[in-house]
């Protein structure tokens, strides 16, 4: 099951990377209304956190899954 979760994280990260390569809005797209520009900045503007928070969370989750899988394998190998 942990292997399945790791594969799912990898697939989600790949999908997210593809979405980042082709966002629905771009800064060079004419935005007619100031509210549109503010919304774009909200979605794609710089933040104090990681540049790609979804990818960051997926990487952390995948690392945790690998760690848990290794822990389970070690316990099974020791017979516990």
N, C-alpha and C. Protein backbone atom coordinates (compact mmCIF):
# COMPACT_ATOMS: atom_id res chain seq x y z
N UNK A 1 0.82 -1.20 0.00
CA UNK A 1 0.00 0.00 0.00
C UNK A 1 0.86 1.26 0.00
N UNK A 2 1.96 1.25 0.74
CA UNK A 2 2.84 2.42 0.76
C UNK A 2 3.46 2.67 -0.61
N UNK A 3 3.76 1.59 -1.32
CA UNK A 3 4.28 1.75 -2.69
C UNK A 3 3.25 2.43 -3.58
N UNK A 4 1.99 2.04 -3.42
CA UNK A 4 0.91 2.67 -4.20
C UNK A 4 0.80 4.16 -3.87
N UNK A 5 0.90 4.50 -2.59
CA UNK A 5 0.83 5.90 -2.19
C UNK A 5 2.01 6.70 -2.76
N UNK A 6 3.18 6.09 -2.75
CA UNK A 6 4.35 6.78 -3.32
C UNK A 6 4.16 7.02 -4.81
N UNK A 7 3.67 6.02 -5.52
CA UNK A 7 3.41 6.19 -6.96
C UNK A 7 2.37 7.27 -7.20
N UNK A 8 1.35 7.31 -6.35
CA UNK A 8 0.31 8.34 -6.50
C UNK A 8 0.89 9.74 -6.27
N UNK A 9 1.75 9.88 -5.27
CA UNK A 9 2.42 11.17 -5.04
C UNK A 9 3.25 11.57 -6.25
N UNK A 10 4.00 10.63 -6.79
CA UNK A 10 4.82 10.92 -7.96
C UNK A 10 3.96 11.34 -9.15
N UNK A 11 2.83 10.66 -9.34
CA UNK A 11 1.93 11.01 -10.44
C UNK A 11 1.33 12.40 -10.23
N UNK A 12 0.91 12.69 -9.00
CA UNK A 12 0.36 14.01 -8.70
C UNK A 12 1.39 15.10 -8.91
N UNK A 13 2.62 14.84 -8.50
CA UNK A 13 3.69 15.83 -8.69
C UNK A 13 3.93 16.06 -10.18
N UNK A 14 3.90 15.00 -10.97
CA UNK A 14 4.05 15.16 -12.42
C UNK A 14 2.92 15.97 -13.02
N UNK A 15 1.69 15.69 -12.58
CA UNK A 15 0.53 16.46 -13.06
C UNK A 15 0.65 17.92 -12.67
N UNK A 16 1.09 18.17 -11.44
CA UNK A 16 1.22 19.56 -10.98
C UNK A 16 2.31 20.28 -11.76
N UNK A 17 3.41 19.59 -12.03
CA UNK A 17 4.49 20.20 -12.80
C UNK A 17 4.00 20.57 -14.19
N UNK A 18 3.21 19.71 -14.80
CA UNK A 18 2.63 20.00 -16.11
C UNK A 18 1.73 21.23 -16.04
N UNK A 19 0.93 21.31 -14.99
CA UNK A 19 0.04 22.47 -14.82
C UNK A 19 0.84 23.76 -14.64
N UNK A 20 1.96 23.68 -13.93
CA UNK A 20 2.79 24.86 -13.74
C UNK A 20 3.43 25.31 -15.05
N UNK A 21 3.72 24.35 -15.92
CA UNK A 21 4.32 24.69 -17.22
C UNK A 21 3.34 25.41 -18.13
N UNK A 22 2.04 25.24 -17.88
CA UNK A 22 1.02 25.85 -18.73
C UNK A 22 -0.11 26.41 -17.88
N UNK A 23 0.15 27.51 -17.12
CA UNK A 23 -0.92 28.05 -16.27
C UNK A 23 -2.04 28.65 -17.11
N UNK A 24 -3.26 28.70 -16.55
CA UNK A 24 -4.40 29.22 -17.31
C UNK A 24 -4.30 30.72 -17.58
N UNK A 25 -3.57 31.43 -16.75
CA UNK A 25 -3.34 32.86 -16.96
C UNK A 25 -1.85 33.12 -17.03
N UNK A 26 -1.48 34.11 -17.79
CA UNK A 26 -0.08 34.50 -17.88
C UNK A 26 -0.01 36.01 -17.70
N UNK A 27 1.12 36.51 -17.19
CA UNK A 27 1.22 37.95 -16.98
C UNK A 27 1.09 38.76 -18.27
N UNK A 28 1.46 38.17 -19.40
CA UNK A 28 1.36 38.89 -20.66
C UNK A 28 -0.05 38.86 -21.25
N UNK A 29 -0.96 38.11 -20.60
CA UNK A 29 -2.35 38.09 -21.04
C UNK A 29 -2.99 39.41 -20.64
N UNK A 30 -3.65 40.10 -21.57
CA UNK A 30 -4.29 41.36 -21.18
C UNK A 30 -5.41 41.09 -20.17
N UNK A 31 -5.33 41.80 -19.07
CA UNK A 31 -6.36 41.70 -18.04
C UNK A 31 -7.09 43.03 -18.03
N UNK A 32 -8.37 42.99 -18.40
CA UNK A 32 -9.14 44.22 -18.60
C UNK A 32 -9.53 44.90 -17.29
N UNK A 33 -9.71 44.14 -16.27
CA UNK A 33 -10.23 44.68 -15.02
C UNK A 33 -9.15 44.57 -13.96
N UNK A 34 -9.02 45.60 -13.13
CA UNK A 34 -8.01 45.59 -12.07
C UNK A 34 -8.20 44.39 -11.14
N UNK A 35 -9.44 44.00 -10.90
CA UNK A 35 -9.71 42.84 -10.06
C UNK A 35 -9.12 41.56 -10.64
N UNK A 36 -9.10 41.48 -11.98
CA UNK A 36 -8.49 40.31 -12.62
C UNK A 36 -7.00 40.26 -12.32
N UNK A 37 -6.34 41.41 -12.39
CA UNK A 37 -4.90 41.47 -12.11
C UNK A 37 -4.65 41.08 -10.64
N UNK A 38 -5.47 41.58 -9.73
CA UNK A 38 -5.30 41.25 -8.31
C UNK A 38 -5.48 39.75 -8.08
N UNK A 39 -6.46 39.16 -8.76
CA UNK A 39 -6.69 37.72 -8.62
C UNK A 39 -5.50 36.94 -9.17
N UNK A 40 -4.97 37.37 -10.32
CA UNK A 40 -3.80 36.71 -10.90
C UNK A 40 -2.63 36.79 -9.91
N UNK A 41 -2.39 37.97 -9.35
CA UNK A 41 -1.30 38.14 -8.39
C UNK A 41 -1.51 37.25 -7.17
N UNK A 42 -2.76 37.11 -6.74
CA UNK A 42 -3.07 36.24 -5.60
C UNK A 42 -2.68 34.80 -5.92
N UNK A 43 -3.02 34.36 -7.12
CA UNK A 43 -2.74 32.97 -7.51
C UNK A 43 -1.27 32.73 -7.81
N UNK A 44 -0.63 33.65 -8.51
CA UNK A 44 0.69 33.38 -9.08
C UNK A 44 1.78 34.32 -8.58
N UNK A 45 1.45 35.27 -7.72
CA UNK A 45 2.45 36.21 -7.24
C UNK A 45 3.39 35.58 -6.23
N UNK A 46 4.49 36.27 -5.94
CA UNK A 46 5.46 35.74 -4.97
C UNK A 46 4.87 35.68 -3.56
N UNK A 47 5.36 34.73 -2.79
CA UNK A 47 4.91 34.57 -1.41
C UNK A 47 6.13 34.42 -0.51
N UNK A 48 5.90 34.43 0.79
CA UNK A 48 6.99 34.23 1.75
C UNK A 48 7.36 32.75 1.87
N UNK A 49 6.50 31.88 1.41
CA UNK A 49 6.74 30.44 1.51
C UNK A 49 7.47 29.91 0.30
N UNK A 50 7.40 28.60 0.12
CA UNK A 50 8.07 27.99 -1.04
C UNK A 50 7.45 28.48 -2.35
N UNK A 51 8.27 28.49 -3.41
CA UNK A 51 7.77 28.93 -4.72
C UNK A 51 6.68 28.03 -5.25
N UNK A 52 6.76 26.76 -4.96
CA UNK A 52 5.79 25.78 -5.46
C UNK A 52 5.26 24.97 -4.28
N UNK A 53 4.31 25.53 -3.52
CA UNK A 53 3.88 24.87 -2.27
C UNK A 53 3.27 23.49 -2.46
N UNK A 54 2.54 23.28 -3.55
CA UNK A 54 1.93 21.96 -3.77
C UNK A 54 3.02 20.93 -4.02
N UNK A 55 3.99 21.27 -4.88
CA UNK A 55 5.10 20.35 -5.13
C UNK A 55 5.91 20.11 -3.86
N UNK A 56 6.09 21.15 -3.07
CA UNK A 56 6.82 21.02 -1.82
C UNK A 56 6.12 20.04 -0.87
N UNK A 57 4.81 20.18 -0.74
CA UNK A 57 4.05 19.28 0.13
C UNK A 57 4.07 17.85 -0.40
N UNK A 58 3.97 17.69 -1.70
CA UNK A 58 4.02 16.35 -2.29
C UNK A 58 5.38 15.70 -2.04
N UNK A 59 6.45 16.49 -2.16
CA UNK A 59 7.78 15.96 -1.90
C UNK A 59 7.93 15.54 -0.44
N UNK A 60 7.43 16.36 0.48
CA UNK A 60 7.48 16.01 1.90
C UNK A 60 6.67 14.75 2.18
N UNK A 61 5.50 14.64 1.58
CA UNK A 61 4.66 13.47 1.78
C UNK A 61 5.33 12.22 1.22
N UNK A 62 5.92 12.32 0.04
CA UNK A 62 6.61 11.17 -0.56
C UNK A 62 7.80 10.75 0.31
N UNK A 63 8.53 11.72 0.86
CA UNK A 63 9.64 11.40 1.76
C UNK A 63 9.14 10.67 3.00
N UNK A 64 8.02 11.12 3.54
CA UNK A 64 7.45 10.47 4.73
C UNK A 64 7.00 9.05 4.40
N UNK A 65 6.40 8.87 3.25
CA UNK A 65 5.96 7.53 2.83
C UNK A 65 7.16 6.61 2.70
N UNK A 66 8.24 7.08 2.07
CA UNK A 66 9.45 6.26 1.92
C UNK A 66 10.03 5.90 3.29
N UNK A 67 10.06 6.88 4.18
CA UNK A 67 10.57 6.64 5.53
C UNK A 67 9.72 5.60 6.26
N UNK A 68 8.41 5.73 6.17
CA UNK A 68 7.51 4.76 6.81
C UNK A 68 7.68 3.38 6.20
N UNK A 69 7.81 3.31 4.87
CA UNK A 69 7.99 2.02 4.20
C UNK A 69 9.29 1.36 4.66
N UNK A 70 10.37 2.16 4.76
CA UNK A 70 11.64 1.62 5.22
C UNK A 70 11.55 1.15 6.67
N UNK A 71 10.82 1.89 7.48
CA UNK A 71 10.64 1.52 8.89
C UNK A 71 9.87 0.20 9.00
N UNK A 72 8.81 0.06 8.22
CA UNK A 72 8.03 -1.18 8.22
C UNK A 72 8.89 -2.35 7.75
N UNK A 73 9.67 -2.14 6.70
CA UNK A 73 10.53 -3.21 6.18
C UNK A 73 11.56 -3.62 7.22
N UNK A 74 12.13 -2.66 7.93
CA UNK A 74 13.12 -2.97 8.97
C UNK A 74 12.48 -3.78 10.10
N UNK A 75 11.29 -3.37 10.51
CA UNK A 75 10.60 -4.09 11.59
C UNK A 75 10.26 -5.51 11.16
N UNK A 76 9.81 -5.66 9.91
CA UNK A 76 9.50 -7.01 9.42
C UNK A 76 10.75 -7.87 9.35
N UNK A 77 11.86 -7.28 8.93
CA UNK A 77 13.12 -8.03 8.82
C UNK A 77 13.62 -8.48 10.19
N UNK A 78 13.34 -7.69 11.22
CA UNK A 78 13.76 -8.05 12.58
C UNK A 78 12.75 -8.98 13.25
N UNK A 79 11.64 -9.23 12.58
CA UNK A 79 10.64 -10.13 13.13
C UNK A 79 9.74 -9.50 14.18
N UNK A 80 9.56 -8.19 14.10
CA UNK A 80 8.70 -7.50 15.08
C UNK A 80 7.50 -6.97 14.39
